[in-house]
Amino acid sequence: MAEIATIARPYAEALFRVAKSKDLAAWSGLVTEMAQVAAHPEVQALAHNPSLVPQVVADTFLSLLKSPQATSAEAKNFVATLVENGRLAALPEIGEQFHVLKNAEEGAADAYITSAFELTTAQVQELIATLEKKFGRKLNPSVTVDNSLIGGVRVVIGDEVLDTSVRAKLQHMQVALAA
Protein backbone atom coordinates (compact mmCIF):
# COMPACT_ATOMS: atom_id res chain seq x y z
CA MET A 1 0.00 0.00 0.00
CA ALA A 2 2.88 2.37 -0.65
CA GLU A 3 0.75 4.27 -3.12
CA ILE A 4 -1.98 5.12 -0.61
CA ALA A 5 0.69 6.09 1.93
CA THR A 6 2.28 8.42 -0.60
CA ILE A 7 -1.08 9.98 -1.38
CA ALA A 8 -1.98 10.37 2.29
CA ARG A 9 1.29 11.94 3.48
CA PRO A 10 0.77 15.55 2.29
CA TYR A 11 -2.81 15.55 3.60
CA ALA A 12 -1.69 14.23 6.99
CA GLU A 13 1.11 16.79 7.21
CA ALA A 14 -1.20 19.68 6.29
CA LEU A 15 -3.82 18.52 8.77
CA PHE A 16 -1.16 18.14 11.46
CA ARG A 17 0.04 21.72 10.92
CA VAL A 18 -3.53 22.99 11.34
CA ALA A 19 -4.11 20.83 14.41
CA LYS A 20 -0.83 21.92 15.97
CA SER A 21 -1.78 25.57 15.62
CA LYS A 22 -5.19 24.87 17.24
CA ASP A 23 -5.85 22.14 19.82
CA LEU A 24 -3.80 19.05 18.94
CA ALA A 25 -5.62 16.70 21.32
CA ALA A 26 -9.08 17.71 20.11
CA TRP A 27 -8.03 17.50 16.47
CA SER A 28 -6.50 14.10 17.10
CA GLY A 29 -9.90 12.89 18.23
CA LEU A 30 -11.52 14.38 15.13
CA VAL A 31 -8.99 12.76 12.80
CA THR A 32 -9.50 9.39 14.49
CA GLU A 33 -13.26 9.74 14.14
CA MET A 34 -12.98 10.79 10.48
CA ALA A 35 -10.75 7.80 9.74
CA GLN A 36 -13.19 5.40 11.37
CA VAL A 37 -16.18 6.85 9.55
CA ALA A 38 -14.36 6.89 6.20
CA ALA A 39 -13.41 3.22 6.60
CA HIS A 40 -17.07 2.18 6.79
CA PRO A 41 -18.16 0.34 3.59
CA GLU A 42 -21.28 2.46 3.14
CA VAL A 43 -19.24 5.66 3.35
CA GLN A 44 -16.79 4.20 0.83
CA ALA A 45 -19.73 3.52 -1.50
CA LEU A 46 -20.96 7.08 -0.99
CA ALA A 47 -17.53 8.49 -1.80
CA HIS A 48 -17.30 6.48 -5.03
CA ASN A 49 -20.84 7.25 -6.22
CA PRO A 50 -20.39 9.19 -9.49
CA SER A 51 -23.98 10.45 -9.50
CA LEU A 52 -23.42 12.60 -6.39
CA VAL A 53 -21.83 16.04 -6.55
CA PRO A 54 -18.79 16.53 -4.29
CA GLN A 55 -20.56 19.04 -2.03
CA VAL A 56 -23.30 16.50 -1.21
CA VAL A 57 -20.69 13.83 -0.38
CA ALA A 58 -18.73 16.27 1.82
CA ASP A 59 -21.84 17.50 3.64
CA THR A 60 -23.09 13.96 4.20
CA PHE A 61 -19.71 12.86 5.50
CA LEU A 62 -19.48 15.83 7.87
CA SER A 63 -22.99 15.13 9.16
CA LEU A 64 -21.81 11.69 10.30
CA LEU A 65 -19.17 13.20 12.62
CA LYS A 66 -19.93 13.95 16.26
CA SER A 67 -16.78 15.87 17.17
CA PRO A 68 -17.29 19.60 17.78
CA GLN A 69 -14.26 20.35 15.57
CA ALA A 70 -16.15 18.89 12.60
CA THR A 71 -18.07 22.14 12.27
CA SER A 72 -14.92 24.26 11.99
CA ALA A 73 -14.05 25.92 8.70
CA GLU A 74 -10.74 24.02 8.59
CA ALA A 75 -12.43 20.63 8.93
CA LYS A 76 -15.04 21.51 6.30
CA ASN A 77 -12.34 22.70 3.88
CA PHE A 78 -10.25 19.60 4.51
CA VAL A 79 -13.14 17.22 3.83
CA ALA A 80 -14.23 19.21 0.77
CA THR A 81 -10.68 19.04 -0.62
CA LEU A 82 -10.51 15.29 -0.03
CA VAL A 83 -13.86 14.73 -1.74
CA GLU A 84 -13.05 16.98 -4.72
CA ASN A 85 -9.76 15.16 -5.26
CA GLY A 86 -11.33 11.70 -4.81
CA ARG A 87 -9.26 11.03 -1.69
CA LEU A 88 -11.91 10.39 0.95
CA ALA A 89 -10.98 6.69 0.86
CA ALA A 90 -7.46 7.67 1.95
CA LEU A 91 -8.69 9.05 5.27
CA PRO A 92 -7.85 5.90 7.30
CA GLU A 93 -4.22 6.14 6.11
CA ILE A 94 -4.21 9.91 6.64
CA GLY A 95 -5.38 9.24 10.21
CA GLU A 96 -2.56 6.76 10.80
CA GLN A 97 0.07 9.15 9.46
CA PHE A 98 -1.41 12.03 11.47
CA HIS A 99 -1.18 9.87 14.60
CA VAL A 100 2.48 9.06 13.85
CA LEU A 101 3.23 12.79 13.49
CA LYS A 102 1.42 13.52 16.76
CA ASN A 103 3.36 10.81 18.58
CA ALA A 104 6.65 12.12 17.19
CA GLU A 105 5.77 15.63 18.35
CA GLU A 106 4.97 14.37 21.84
CA GLY A 107 7.90 11.93 22.02
CA ALA A 108 5.45 9.06 22.41
CA ALA A 109 4.64 5.75 20.75
CA ASP A 110 1.70 3.36 20.58
CA ALA A 111 1.99 0.14 22.55
CA TYR A 112 -0.28 -2.68 21.36
CA ILE A 113 -0.57 -5.13 24.24
CA THR A 114 -2.17 -8.52 23.73
CA SER A 115 -2.74 -10.56 26.86
CA ALA A 116 -3.97 -14.10 27.40
CA PHE A 117 -6.24 -12.82 30.17
CA GLU A 118 -8.00 -9.57 31.03
CA LEU A 119 -5.56 -7.14 32.68
CA THR A 120 -6.57 -4.83 35.50
CA THR A 121 -5.88 -1.12 35.23
CA ALA A 122 -3.10 -1.46 37.81
CA GLN A 123 -1.46 -4.27 35.83
CA VAL A 124 -1.57 -2.22 32.62
CA GLN A 125 -0.11 0.82 34.39
CA GLU A 126 2.69 -1.27 35.89
CA LEU A 127 3.48 -2.86 32.52
CA ILE A 128 3.45 0.52 30.76
CA ALA A 129 5.72 2.04 33.43
CA THR A 130 8.23 -0.78 32.89
CA LEU A 131 8.03 -0.47 29.10
CA GLU A 132 8.41 3.33 29.23
CA LYS A 133 11.66 2.90 31.17
CA LYS A 134 12.87 0.34 28.62
CA PHE A 135 11.97 2.42 25.56
CA GLY A 136 12.64 5.86 27.05
CA ARG A 137 9.41 7.46 25.84
CA LYS A 138 5.76 7.83 26.76
CA LEU A 139 3.58 4.96 25.57
CA ASN A 140 -0.08 5.00 24.62
CA PRO A 141 -1.42 1.53 25.49
CA SER A 142 -4.05 -0.38 23.56
CA VAL A 143 -4.92 -3.66 25.27
CA THR A 144 -6.65 -6.67 23.73
CA VAL A 145 -7.26 -10.22 24.97
CA ASP A 146 -6.29 -13.30 22.95
CA ASN A 147 -6.87 -16.61 24.75
CA SER A 148 -4.70 -18.44 22.20
CA LEU A 149 -1.59 -16.96 23.87
CA ILE A 150 -2.28 -19.41 26.74
CA GLY A 151 -0.45 -17.12 29.20
CA GLY A 152 1.74 -14.01 29.27
CA VAL A 153 1.64 -10.95 27.03
CA ARG A 154 2.73 -9.85 23.57
CA VAL A 155 3.70 -6.18 23.15
CA VAL A 156 4.22 -4.41 19.83
CA ILE A 157 5.77 -0.94 19.85
CA GLY A 158 6.58 0.34 16.39
CA ASP A 159 8.61 -2.39 14.72
CA GLU A 160 9.67 -4.04 17.99
CA VAL A 161 7.88 -7.08 19.40
CA LEU A 162 8.24 -8.40 22.94
CA ASP A 163 6.53 -11.78 23.09
CA THR A 164 6.53 -13.41 26.52
CA SER A 165 3.47 -15.53 25.83
CA VAL A 166 3.36 -19.25 26.57
CA ARG A 167 2.41 -19.86 22.92
CA ALA A 168 5.65 -18.17 21.75
CA LYS A 169 7.72 -20.17 24.23
CA LEU A 170 6.11 -23.40 23.03
CA GLN A 171 6.83 -22.46 19.41
CA HIS A 172 10.50 -21.81 20.30
CA MET A 173 10.68 -25.20 22.04
CA GLN A 174 9.11 -26.89 18.99
CA VAL A 175 11.71 -25.32 16.69
CA ALA A 176 14.55 -26.29 19.04
CA LEU A 177 13.33 -29.89 19.27
CA ALA A 178 12.79 -30.17 15.51
CA ALA A 179 16.32 -28.93 14.73
Foldseek 3Di string as FASTA:
>chain_A
DVVLLVVLVVLLVVLLVVCVVPPVVLSLVVLVQLLVLLQDPVLVVLLPDPVDDLVVNLVVSLVVDDRPCSPDPVNSVSSSVCSVVSNSNSSNSSSVNNVVVVCVVQQEWEKEKEFLDDDDPVRVVVVQVVVCVVVVGHYDYDYDYDNVLVGDMWIDTPPDIDRPGPVVVVVVVVVVVVD
